[in-house]
Amino acid sequence: MSSRMGALVVMERALTDQPDAVRAMMPHLICLLSHPDARIRGDIADLLGRTGDWGAIARLELLATDPDPDVAEAAVEAIEAIRSRHA
């Protein structure tokens, strides 16, 4: 748990300090949306929403039907966050 949270804090900080580095990691982050651990899928969905990357929408839309309700909710919120940044 603490490792996962630490990684998320680093990624959130990178969004501010080194957005190009985060953009370079997008393919890897998107792959994590199919991780077997629902907590990781949800965390990555949230992170993708924060990036505002339009390219993540299609995968997030698939995740919006995830069997885990928390993951599905995170995906829907991420989609809304991305769309609001592009409105």
N, C-alpha and C. Protein backbone atom coordinates (compact mmCIF):
# COMPACT_ATOMS: atom_id res chain seq x y z
N MET A 1 0.82 -1.19 0.00
CA MET A 1 0.00 0.00 0.00
C MET A 1 0.86 1.25 0.00
N SER A 2 1.85 1.33 0.87
CA SER A 2 2.66 2.55 0.93
C SER A 2 3.48 2.73 -0.34
N SER A 3 3.92 1.66 -0.96
CA SER A 3 4.66 1.77 -2.22
C SER A 3 3.76 2.33 -3.31
N ARG A 4 2.52 1.83 -3.38
CA ARG A 4 1.57 2.29 -4.38
C ARG A 4 1.27 3.77 -4.18
N MET A 5 1.05 4.17 -2.96
CA MET A 5 0.75 5.57 -2.67
C MET A 5 1.95 6.46 -2.96
N GLY A 6 3.13 5.98 -2.64
CA GLY A 6 4.34 6.73 -2.92
C GLY A 6 4.53 6.95 -4.41
N ALA A 7 4.26 5.93 -5.19
CA ALA A 7 4.38 6.05 -6.64
C ALA A 7 3.38 7.06 -7.19
N LEU A 8 2.17 7.06 -6.65
CA LEU A 8 1.17 8.02 -7.10
C LEU A 8 1.56 9.45 -6.75
N VAL A 9 2.13 9.65 -5.59
CA VAL A 9 2.57 10.98 -5.19
C VAL A 9 3.66 11.47 -6.14
N VAL A 10 4.58 10.59 -6.48
CA VAL A 10 5.66 10.94 -7.41
C VAL A 10 5.07 11.31 -8.77
N MET A 11 4.11 10.53 -9.26
CA MET A 11 3.51 10.81 -10.56
C MET A 11 2.74 12.13 -10.54
N GLU A 12 2.03 12.40 -9.48
CA GLU A 12 1.30 13.66 -9.38
C GLU A 12 2.26 14.84 -9.37
N ARG A 13 3.37 14.68 -8.69
CA ARG A 13 4.39 15.74 -8.66
C ARG A 13 5.00 15.92 -10.04
N ALA A 14 5.22 14.80 -10.73
CA ALA A 14 5.79 14.85 -12.08
C ALA A 14 4.85 15.56 -13.05
N LEU A 15 3.54 15.43 -12.85
CA LEU A 15 2.59 16.13 -13.71
C LEU A 15 2.82 17.64 -13.67
N THR A 16 3.23 18.13 -12.51
CA THR A 16 3.49 19.55 -12.35
C THR A 16 4.91 19.92 -12.80
N ASP A 17 5.87 19.14 -12.37
CA ASP A 17 7.27 19.49 -12.60
C ASP A 17 7.84 19.01 -13.93
N GLN A 18 7.36 17.85 -14.42
CA GLN A 18 7.92 17.28 -15.64
C GLN A 18 6.81 16.63 -16.48
N PRO A 19 5.88 17.44 -16.99
CA PRO A 19 4.76 16.87 -17.73
C PRO A 19 5.18 16.08 -18.97
N ASP A 20 6.29 16.46 -19.59
CA ASP A 20 6.75 15.70 -20.77
C ASP A 20 7.14 14.28 -20.39
N ALA A 21 7.71 14.10 -19.22
CA ALA A 21 8.08 12.76 -18.76
C ALA A 21 6.84 11.91 -18.55
N VAL A 22 5.79 12.51 -18.02
CA VAL A 22 4.54 11.77 -17.81
C VAL A 22 3.92 11.42 -19.16
N ARG A 23 3.93 12.36 -20.10
CA ARG A 23 3.39 12.07 -21.43
C ARG A 23 4.14 10.92 -22.09
N ALA A 24 5.43 10.85 -21.87
CA ALA A 24 6.23 9.75 -22.44
C ALA A 24 5.83 8.40 -21.83
N MET A 25 5.29 8.43 -20.63
CA MET A 25 4.91 7.19 -19.94
C MET A 25 3.47 6.77 -20.24
N MET A 26 2.73 7.57 -20.99
CA MET A 26 1.31 7.30 -21.21
C MET A 26 1.02 5.88 -21.71
N PRO A 27 1.76 5.36 -22.68
CA PRO A 27 1.44 3.99 -23.12
C PRO A 27 1.56 2.97 -21.99
N HIS A 28 2.53 3.15 -21.12
CA HIS A 28 2.71 2.24 -19.99
C HIS A 28 1.60 2.40 -18.96
N LEU A 29 1.20 3.64 -18.73
CA LEU A 29 0.12 3.89 -17.78
C LEU A 29 -1.19 3.30 -18.29
N ILE A 30 -1.46 3.49 -19.57
CA ILE A 30 -2.69 2.95 -20.16
C ILE A 30 -2.72 1.43 -20.05
N CYS A 31 -1.58 0.79 -20.23
CA CYS A 31 -1.52 -0.67 -20.08
C CYS A 31 -1.92 -1.11 -18.66
N LEU A 32 -1.63 -0.28 -17.68
CA LEU A 32 -1.97 -0.62 -16.30
C LEU A 32 -3.47 -0.60 -16.03
N LEU A 33 -4.24 -0.06 -16.95
CA LEU A 33 -5.70 -0.07 -16.77
C LEU A 33 -6.27 -1.48 -16.83
N SER A 34 -5.49 -2.44 -17.29
CA SER A 34 -5.95 -3.83 -17.31
C SER A 34 -5.27 -4.66 -16.21
N HIS A 35 -4.65 -4.01 -15.25
CA HIS A 35 -3.98 -4.71 -14.15
C HIS A 35 -5.00 -5.53 -13.36
N PRO A 36 -4.61 -6.71 -12.88
CA PRO A 36 -5.56 -7.53 -12.11
C PRO A 36 -6.01 -6.91 -10.79
N ASP A 37 -5.23 -6.01 -10.23
CA ASP A 37 -5.57 -5.37 -8.95
C ASP A 37 -6.46 -4.15 -9.22
N ALA A 38 -7.68 -4.19 -8.73
CA ALA A 38 -8.64 -3.11 -8.95
C ALA A 38 -8.13 -1.79 -8.39
N ARG A 39 -7.40 -1.82 -7.30
CA ARG A 39 -6.89 -0.56 -6.72
C ARG A 39 -5.96 0.13 -7.69
N ILE A 40 -5.13 -0.65 -8.37
CA ILE A 40 -4.20 -0.07 -9.34
C ILE A 40 -4.97 0.48 -10.54
N ARG A 41 -5.97 -0.27 -11.04
CA ARG A 41 -6.77 0.24 -12.16
C ARG A 41 -7.41 1.57 -11.80
N GLY A 42 -7.96 1.66 -10.61
CA GLY A 42 -8.61 2.90 -10.17
C GLY A 42 -7.62 4.04 -10.00
N ASP A 43 -6.47 3.74 -9.42
CA ASP A 43 -5.45 4.78 -9.23
C ASP A 43 -4.96 5.31 -10.57
N ILE A 44 -4.75 4.42 -11.52
CA ILE A 44 -4.26 4.83 -12.83
C ILE A 44 -5.34 5.62 -13.57
N ALA A 45 -6.58 5.21 -13.45
CA ALA A 45 -7.67 5.97 -14.07
C ALA A 45 -7.67 7.40 -13.53
N ASP A 46 -7.56 7.54 -12.22
CA ASP A 46 -7.52 8.87 -11.61
C ASP A 46 -6.34 9.67 -12.15
N LEU A 47 -5.18 9.06 -12.21
CA LEU A 47 -3.99 9.74 -12.69
C LEU A 47 -4.16 10.17 -14.15
N LEU A 48 -4.73 9.30 -14.98
CA LEU A 48 -4.95 9.66 -16.37
C LEU A 48 -5.91 10.83 -16.49
N GLY A 49 -6.89 10.89 -15.63
CA GLY A 49 -7.79 12.04 -15.64
C GLY A 49 -7.07 13.32 -15.33
N ARG A 50 -6.11 13.25 -14.46
CA ARG A 50 -5.32 14.43 -14.10
C ARG A 50 -4.40 14.89 -15.23
N THR A 51 -4.01 13.95 -16.10
CA THR A 51 -3.12 14.33 -17.20
C THR A 51 -3.85 15.14 -18.25
N GLY A 52 -5.16 14.90 -18.38
CA GLY A 52 -5.91 15.59 -19.41
C GLY A 52 -5.65 15.05 -20.81
N ASP A 53 -5.03 13.90 -20.90
CA ASP A 53 -4.65 13.32 -22.20
C ASP A 53 -5.86 12.72 -22.90
N TRP A 54 -6.27 13.35 -24.01
CA TRP A 54 -7.43 12.91 -24.77
C TRP A 54 -7.27 11.48 -25.26
N GLY A 55 -6.04 11.04 -25.51
CA GLY A 55 -5.78 9.70 -26.01
C GLY A 55 -6.17 8.60 -25.04
N ALA A 56 -6.39 8.91 -23.80
CA ALA A 56 -6.77 7.91 -22.79
C ALA A 56 -8.27 7.66 -22.74
N ILE A 57 -9.05 8.50 -23.39
CA ILE A 57 -10.51 8.42 -23.28
C ILE A 57 -11.05 7.05 -23.68
N ALA A 58 -10.62 6.51 -24.81
CA ALA A 58 -11.18 5.24 -25.30
C ALA A 58 -10.97 4.12 -24.28
N ARG A 59 -9.78 4.04 -23.71
CA ARG A 59 -9.52 2.99 -22.70
C ARG A 59 -10.28 3.26 -21.42
N LEU A 60 -10.41 4.51 -21.04
CA LEU A 60 -11.18 4.84 -19.84
C LEU A 60 -12.66 4.53 -20.03
N GLU A 61 -13.16 4.71 -21.23
CA GLU A 61 -14.56 4.37 -21.49
C GLU A 61 -14.80 2.87 -21.30
N LEU A 62 -13.84 2.06 -21.70
CA LEU A 62 -13.95 0.61 -21.45
C LEU A 62 -13.94 0.33 -19.95
N LEU A 63 -13.09 1.05 -19.25
CA LEU A 63 -12.96 0.83 -17.80
C LEU A 63 -14.20 1.31 -17.03
N ALA A 64 -14.98 2.17 -17.65
CA ALA A 64 -16.18 2.68 -16.99
C ALA A 64 -17.22 1.58 -16.74
N THR A 65 -17.01 0.42 -17.34
CA THR A 65 -17.89 -0.73 -17.11
C THR A 65 -17.19 -1.81 -16.29
N ASP A 66 -16.11 -1.43 -15.61
CA ASP A 66 -15.36 -2.37 -14.78
C ASP A 66 -16.28 -2.99 -13.73
N PRO A 67 -16.11 -4.29 -13.44
CA PRO A 67 -16.95 -4.91 -12.42
C PRO A 67 -16.77 -4.32 -11.01
N ASP A 68 -15.63 -3.70 -10.77
CA ASP A 68 -15.42 -3.05 -9.47
C ASP A 68 -16.03 -1.65 -9.54
N PRO A 69 -17.02 -1.35 -8.71
CA PRO A 69 -17.70 -0.05 -8.81
C PRO A 69 -16.78 1.15 -8.55
N ASP A 70 -15.77 0.98 -7.70
CA ASP A 70 -14.85 2.08 -7.44
C ASP A 70 -14.00 2.38 -8.68
N VAL A 71 -13.59 1.34 -9.39
CA VAL A 71 -12.81 1.52 -10.61
C VAL A 71 -13.67 2.19 -11.68
N ALA A 72 -14.89 1.70 -11.84
CA ALA A 72 -15.80 2.29 -12.82
C ALA A 72 -16.03 3.77 -12.53
N GLU A 73 -16.22 4.10 -11.26
CA GLU A 73 -16.43 5.49 -10.87
C GLU A 73 -15.19 6.34 -11.17
N ALA A 74 -14.01 5.81 -10.86
CA ALA A 74 -12.76 6.53 -11.14
C ALA A 74 -12.61 6.78 -12.64
N ALA A 75 -13.00 5.80 -13.45
CA ALA A 75 -12.90 5.96 -14.90
C ALA A 75 -13.85 7.04 -15.40
N VAL A 76 -15.08 7.03 -14.91
CA VAL A 76 -16.06 8.05 -15.32
C VAL A 76 -15.58 9.44 -14.91
N GLU A 77 -15.08 9.57 -13.71
CA GLU A 77 -14.57 10.86 -13.23
C GLU A 77 -13.37 11.31 -14.05
N ALA A 78 -12.50 10.38 -14.43
CA ALA A 78 -11.33 10.71 -15.25
C ALA A 78 -11.77 11.21 -16.63
N ILE A 79 -12.75 10.53 -17.21
CA ILE A 79 -13.27 10.96 -18.52
C ILE A 79 -13.83 12.38 -18.42
N GLU A 80 -14.61 12.63 -17.38
CA GLU A 80 -15.18 13.97 -17.20
C GLU A 80 -14.09 15.01 -17.02
N ALA A 81 -13.03 14.67 -16.28
CA ALA A 81 -11.93 15.62 -16.07
C ALA A 81 -11.21 15.93 -17.38
N ILE A 82 -11.00 14.90 -18.19
CA ILE A 82 -10.32 15.12 -19.47
C ILE A 82 -11.20 15.97 -20.39
N ARG A 83 -12.46 15.63 -20.48
CA ARG A 83 -13.37 16.38 -21.36
C ARG A 83 -13.50 17.83 -20.92
N SER A 84 -13.51 18.06 -19.63
CA SER A 84 -13.64 19.45 -19.15
C SER A 84 -12.40 20.27 -19.48
N ARG A 85 -11.26 19.62 -19.56
CA ARG A 85 -10.03 20.35 -19.92
C ARG A 85 -9.99 20.69 -21.40
N HIS A 86 -10.78 19.96 -22.19
CA HIS A 86 -10.78 20.18 -23.64
C HIS A 86 -12.04 20.89 -24.12
N ALA A 87 -12.86 21.33 -23.17
CA ALA A 87 -14.13 22.00 -23.56
C ALA A 87 -13.91 23.44 -23.94
